[in-house]
């Protein structure tokens, strides 16, 4: 079924290839090849991951809507790469170790990957419908500094199409300034596939946002948040957050691990508090 579907997608896209030139044609061909490659792989243990990976591609961004520049296409491809890498990490269920479990059941797991380093995975259930959580994390992204004490500021530098944005994020200093001010420049993409939403990102370079005085330019990614309605309870949302960060500078690994796992637990607490507030009319 999957190989046939992949071939069908490639055939359908061929009509558009005749009207594309240069980079856009190369990108579409590459994406069709990637769909075929993914279709040949055996499905992972989580059907929703397999579904998102199969259906998420640059073709779904409707490249024909706008002739993207070479630089814009580069950012779109980076966002897609972050999404695919993140889902591959989450798809592998082996090797995860428990870092912390909160009293309410919130859990942080971790594992070490040869080509990425240590990654952290938050698993929580939020007593809010998916659309509310998605709206806060995507539509109101720039307001995150208002409710998350670990974030000083999030600013959208550029929007590319309907799925991709370039952001600059300033992280707040930790208590006691154990970890000094860090900032990040990231490419992020958001995908909604049926009842599953994926928000993925990774560090990138952006000429209009060089390194800032007083901040260490850290790197993140691949990273993503996956939102799904809780089975049997559509008013609740299961949130999975894959976190991969290189804070740069000299910091003991024990401090880094403690800070990152606590950051995820704090995020869930503050997100719940934000969503519990009445929305302004």
Protein backbone atom coordinates (compact mmCIF):
# COMPACT_ATOMS: atom_id res chain seq x y z
CA UNK A 1 0.00 0.00 0.00
CA UNK A 2 2.70 2.47 0.96
CA UNK A 3 4.89 1.93 -2.14
CA UNK A 4 1.81 2.38 -4.31
CA UNK A 5 0.86 5.56 -2.48
CA UNK A 6 4.39 6.89 -2.87
CA UNK A 7 4.36 6.22 -6.59
CA UNK A 8 0.98 7.90 -6.91
CA UNK A 9 2.29 11.02 -5.11
CA UNK A 10 5.29 11.08 -7.41
CA UNK A 11 3.05 10.76 -10.47
CA UNK A 12 0.73 13.52 -9.34
CA UNK A 13 3.65 15.82 -8.62
CA UNK A 14 5.03 15.23 -12.13
CA UNK A 15 2.34 17.50 -13.59
CA UNK A 16 3.68 20.32 -11.42
CA UNK A 17 7.30 19.53 -12.28
CA UNK A 18 6.69 20.53 -15.87
CA UNK A 19 5.85 24.03 -14.67
CA UNK A 20 8.79 24.30 -12.24
CA UNK A 21 12.30 25.41 -12.96
CA UNK A 22 15.65 25.38 -11.22
CA UNK A 23 15.70 24.87 -7.47
CA UNK A 24 11.96 24.25 -7.10
CA UNK A 25 12.08 21.39 -9.61
CA UNK A 26 15.12 19.87 -7.89
CA UNK A 27 13.42 20.17 -4.51
CA UNK A 28 10.24 18.49 -5.70
CA UNK A 29 12.21 15.61 -7.26
CA UNK A 30 14.21 15.17 -4.07
CA UNK A 31 11.04 15.11 -1.99
CA UNK A 32 9.41 12.50 -4.21
CA UNK A 33 12.53 10.36 -3.84
CA UNK A 34 12.41 10.79 -0.07
CA UNK A 35 8.75 9.71 0.00
CA UNK A 36 9.67 6.57 -1.92
CA UNK A 37 12.54 5.85 0.47
CA UNK A 38 10.34 6.28 3.52
CA UNK A 39 7.65 4.08 2.03
CA UNK A 40 10.11 1.21 1.74
CA UNK A 41 10.99 1.35 5.43
CA UNK A 42 9.12 -0.82 7.87
CA UNK A 43 6.65 1.10 10.05
CA UNK A 44 7.79 2.07 13.54
CA UNK A 45 6.06 1.19 16.78
CA UNK A 46 3.94 4.34 16.80
CA UNK A 47 1.45 4.57 13.96
CA UNK A 48 0.92 8.33 14.39
CA UNK A 49 4.64 8.99 13.85
CA UNK A 50 4.63 6.87 10.72
CA UNK A 51 1.54 8.69 9.44
CA UNK A 52 3.04 12.14 10.00
CA UNK A 53 6.38 11.21 8.45
CA UNK A 54 4.64 9.73 5.40
CA UNK A 55 2.32 12.69 4.85
CA UNK A 56 4.69 15.50 5.82
CA UNK A 57 6.68 16.81 2.89
CA UNK A 58 7.48 20.02 1.13
CA UNK A 59 4.85 19.16 -1.44
CA UNK A 60 2.23 19.62 1.30
CA UNK A 61 3.41 23.21 1.63
CA UNK A 62 2.03 23.83 -1.89
CA UNK A 63 5.15 25.18 -3.50
CA UNK A 64 3.10 26.33 -6.46
CA UNK A 65 1.42 29.00 -4.31
CA UNK A 66 4.51 31.20 -4.28
CA UNK A 67 7.86 31.16 -6.09
CA UNK A 68 10.23 30.91 -3.12
CA UNK A 69 13.74 32.24 -3.38
CA UNK A 70 16.73 29.94 -3.06
CA UNK A 71 17.31 31.13 0.52
CA UNK A 72 13.65 30.62 1.45
CA UNK A 73 13.74 27.11 0.00
CA UNK A 74 16.84 26.43 2.09
CA UNK A 75 14.99 27.39 5.28
CA UNK A 76 11.94 25.32 4.31
CA UNK A 77 14.16 22.30 3.75
CA UNK A 78 15.90 22.87 7.11
CA UNK A 79 12.54 22.91 8.88
CA UNK A 80 11.47 19.73 7.13
CA UNK A 81 14.79 18.11 8.03
CA UNK A 82 14.30 19.03 11.69
CA UNK A 83 10.83 17.48 11.62
CA UNK A 84 11.96 14.23 10.02
CA UNK A 85 14.99 13.84 12.31
CA UNK A 86 12.92 14.54 15.40
CA UNK A 87 10.28 11.98 14.50
CA UNK A 88 12.93 9.37 13.78
CA UNK A 89 14.32 9.92 17.30
CA UNK A 90 10.89 9.62 18.89
CA UNK A 91 10.07 6.59 16.79
CA UNK A 92 12.92 4.62 18.36
CA UNK A 93 11.53 3.47 21.70
CA UNK A 94 14.73 1.78 22.90
CA UNK A 95 17.29 3.24 25.29
CA UNK A 96 15.22 5.91 27.02
CA UNK A 97 16.01 6.40 30.72
CA UNK A 98 13.84 8.20 33.26
CA UNK A 99 15.28 11.54 34.42
CA UNK A 100 12.42 12.71 36.63
CA UNK A 101 8.76 12.00 37.35
CA UNK A 102 6.60 14.76 38.86
CA UNK A 103 3.81 14.10 41.33
CA UNK A 104 1.17 14.77 38.65
CA UNK A 105 2.65 12.17 36.31
CA UNK A 106 4.70 14.50 34.10
CA UNK A 107 7.76 12.56 33.02
CA UNK A 108 11.16 13.49 31.53
CA UNK A 109 13.16 10.79 29.77
CA UNK A 110 16.57 10.96 28.12
CA UNK A 111 18.91 9.04 25.87
CA UNK A 112 22.30 9.63 24.26
CA UNK A 113 22.53 9.56 20.46
CA UNK A 114 25.89 9.18 18.68
CA UNK A 115 25.33 12.01 16.19
CA UNK A 116 23.26 14.34 18.40
CA UNK A 117 24.32 13.92 22.02
CA UNK A 118 21.92 13.74 24.94
CA UNK A 119 18.29 14.44 24.17
CA UNK A 120 15.37 14.86 26.57
CA UNK A 121 11.73 13.88 26.11
CA UNK A 122 8.86 15.35 28.10
CA UNK A 123 5.59 13.39 28.27
CA UNK A 124 2.57 15.20 29.76
CA UNK A 125 -1.20 15.43 29.47
CA UNK A 126 -2.74 18.90 29.42
CA UNK A 127 -6.38 19.39 30.40
CA UNK A 128 -7.10 21.53 27.36
CA UNK A 129 -8.22 20.67 23.80
CA UNK A 130 -5.56 20.44 21.13
CA UNK A 131 -6.59 23.64 19.35
CA UNK A 132 -6.05 25.68 22.51
CA UNK A 133 -2.57 24.23 23.08
CA UNK A 134 -1.63 24.62 19.41
CA UNK A 135 -2.85 28.22 19.34
CA UNK A 136 -0.75 29.13 22.37
CA UNK A 137 2.42 27.48 21.10
CA UNK A 138 2.16 28.51 17.44
CA UNK A 139 -0.23 31.42 16.89
CA UNK A 140 0.84 33.16 20.13
CA UNK A 141 4.47 32.12 19.96
CA UNK A 142 5.80 35.64 20.55
CA UNK A 143 3.89 35.88 23.84
CA UNK A 144 5.75 32.94 25.41
CA UNK A 145 7.98 35.30 27.39
CA UNK A 146 4.85 36.58 29.17
CA UNK A 147 4.14 33.26 30.87
CA UNK A 148 7.31 31.15 30.73
CA UNK A 149 9.96 32.50 33.15
CA UNK A 150 12.65 30.49 31.33
CA UNK A 151 12.07 32.54 28.18
CA UNK A 152 12.90 36.22 28.04
CA UNK A 153 11.69 36.90 24.51
CA UNK A 154 10.61 35.17 21.32
CA UNK A 155 10.56 37.20 18.12
CA UNK A 156 9.55 36.07 14.64
CA UNK A 157 12.16 37.39 12.23
CA UNK A 158 10.60 36.12 9.01
CA UNK A 159 7.63 34.05 7.86
CA UNK A 160 8.09 31.77 4.86
CA UNK A 161 4.90 30.34 3.43
CA UNK A 162 2.29 29.01 5.81
CA UNK A 163 4.43 26.51 7.73
CA UNK A 164 7.90 27.99 8.28
CA UNK A 165 9.25 30.84 10.43
CA UNK A 166 12.68 32.10 11.48
CA UNK A 167 12.77 33.05 15.16
CA UNK A 168 15.12 34.67 17.65
CA UNK A 169 14.73 33.48 21.21
CA UNK A 170 16.38 34.88 24.32
CA UNK A 171 16.53 32.50 27.25
CA UNK A 172 16.30 33.93 30.74
CA UNK A 173 19.25 33.44 33.06
CA UNK A 174 18.88 30.58 35.52
CA UNK A 175 18.62 31.26 39.30
CA UNK A 176 22.02 32.21 40.64
CA UNK A 177 23.12 32.76 37.03
CA UNK A 178 24.41 29.18 36.92
CA UNK A 179 23.76 29.28 33.19
CA UNK A 180 24.25 32.77 31.81
CA UNK A 181 22.08 34.41 29.12
CA UNK A 182 21.75 32.36 25.94
CA UNK A 183 20.01 33.12 22.69
CA UNK A 184 19.00 31.02 19.70
CA UNK A 185 18.23 31.65 16.05
CA UNK A 186 16.01 28.86 14.77
CA UNK A 187 14.01 27.75 11.79
CA UNK A 188 10.67 26.28 12.84
CA UNK A 189 7.96 24.51 10.93
CA UNK A 190 4.48 23.49 12.04
CA UNK A 191 2.46 20.68 10.48
CA UNK A 192 -1.09 19.54 11.16
CA UNK A 193 -1.90 16.05 9.92
CA UNK A 194 -5.34 14.89 10.92
CA UNK A 195 -5.53 14.85 14.71
CA UNK A 196 -1.73 15.19 15.14
CA UNK A 197 0.24 18.44 15.23
CA UNK A 198 4.03 18.63 15.06
CA UNK A 199 6.07 21.74 15.80
CA UNK A 200 9.70 21.16 14.83
CA UNK A 201 12.83 23.27 14.69
CA UNK A 202 16.59 23.51 14.67
CA UNK A 203 19.25 26.19 14.81
CA UNK A 204 20.08 28.13 11.68
CA UNK A 205 22.00 31.20 10.57
CA UNK A 206 20.25 34.44 9.69
CA UNK A 207 22.24 37.39 8.40
CA UNK A 208 20.00 40.01 9.99
CA UNK A 209 20.49 38.50 13.47
CA UNK A 210 24.20 38.15 14.27
CA UNK A 211 25.45 37.20 17.71
CA UNK A 212 24.21 39.62 20.37
CA UNK A 213 26.34 41.34 22.99
CA UNK A 214 25.76 39.85 26.43
CA UNK A 215 24.43 36.55 25.08
CA UNK A 216 26.09 33.26 24.16
CA UNK A 217 24.65 31.94 20.90
CA UNK A 218 23.55 28.42 21.75
CA UNK A 219 22.27 25.79 19.33
CA UNK A 220 19.23 23.56 19.38
CA UNK A 221 17.84 20.75 17.35
CA UNK A 222 16.56 18.69 16.09
CA UNK A 223 13.72 19.44 18.47
CA UNK A 224 9.96 19.16 18.26
CA UNK A 225 6.65 19.15 20.12
CA UNK A 226 3.97 16.65 19.18
CA UNK A 227 0.34 17.31 20.14
CA UNK A 228 -2.39 14.66 20.01
CA UNK A 229 -5.85 14.43 21.56
CA UNK A 230 -5.89 12.00 24.46
CA UNK A 231 -7.65 8.84 23.24
CA UNK A 232 -11.22 8.85 24.50
CA UNK A 233 -10.91 12.38 25.88
CA UNK A 234 -10.78 15.05 23.14
CA UNK A 235 -10.80 17.81 25.76
CA UNK A 236 -7.30 16.74 26.83
CA UNK A 237 -4.05 16.87 24.87
CA UNK A 238 -1.03 14.61 25.09
CA UNK A 239 2.13 16.67 24.58
CA UNK A 240 5.53 15.17 23.78
CA UNK A 241 8.50 17.55 23.71
CA UNK A 242 11.82 16.39 22.31
CA UNK A 243 14.57 18.75 23.46
CA UNK A 244 18.11 18.80 22.09
CA UNK A 245 20.31 21.76 23.06
CA UNK A 246 23.99 22.63 23.01
CA UNK A 247 24.30 25.50 25.50
CA UNK A 248 27.90 26.22 24.45
CA UNK A 249 30.46 27.58 26.87
CA UNK A 250 32.01 25.51 29.66
CA UNK A 251 29.38 23.87 31.82
CA UNK A 252 29.51 20.59 33.77
CA UNK A 253 27.29 17.92 32.22
CA UNK A 254 25.55 17.33 35.54
CA UNK A 255 24.48 20.98 35.63
CA UNK A 256 23.31 20.91 32.01
CA UNK A 257 21.25 17.75 32.54
CA UNK A 258 19.63 19.13 35.66
CA UNK A 259 18.80 22.48 34.05
CA UNK A 260 17.33 21.00 30.86
CA UNK A 261 15.15 18.40 32.56
CA UNK A 262 13.89 20.99 35.05
CA UNK A 263 13.22 23.40 32.18
CA UNK A 264 10.85 20.87 30.64
CA UNK A 265 9.01 20.21 33.90
CA UNK A 266 8.67 23.97 34.50
CA UNK A 267 7.40 24.48 30.96
CA UNK A 268 4.51 22.06 31.50
CA UNK A 269 3.56 23.76 34.76
CA UNK A 270 3.59 27.27 33.27
CA UNK A 271 1.77 26.17 30.12
CA UNK A 272 -1.06 24.76 32.21
CA UNK A 273 -1.26 27.99 34.18
CA UNK A 274 -1.37 30.02 30.97
CA UNK A 275 -4.10 27.89 29.42
CA UNK A 276 -6.18 28.03 32.60
CA UNK A 277 -6.40 31.81 32.35
CA UNK A 278 -9.55 33.22 30.72
CA UNK A 279 -8.90 34.34 27.17
CA UNK A 280 -9.23 38.09 26.59
CA UNK A 281 -12.34 39.13 24.68
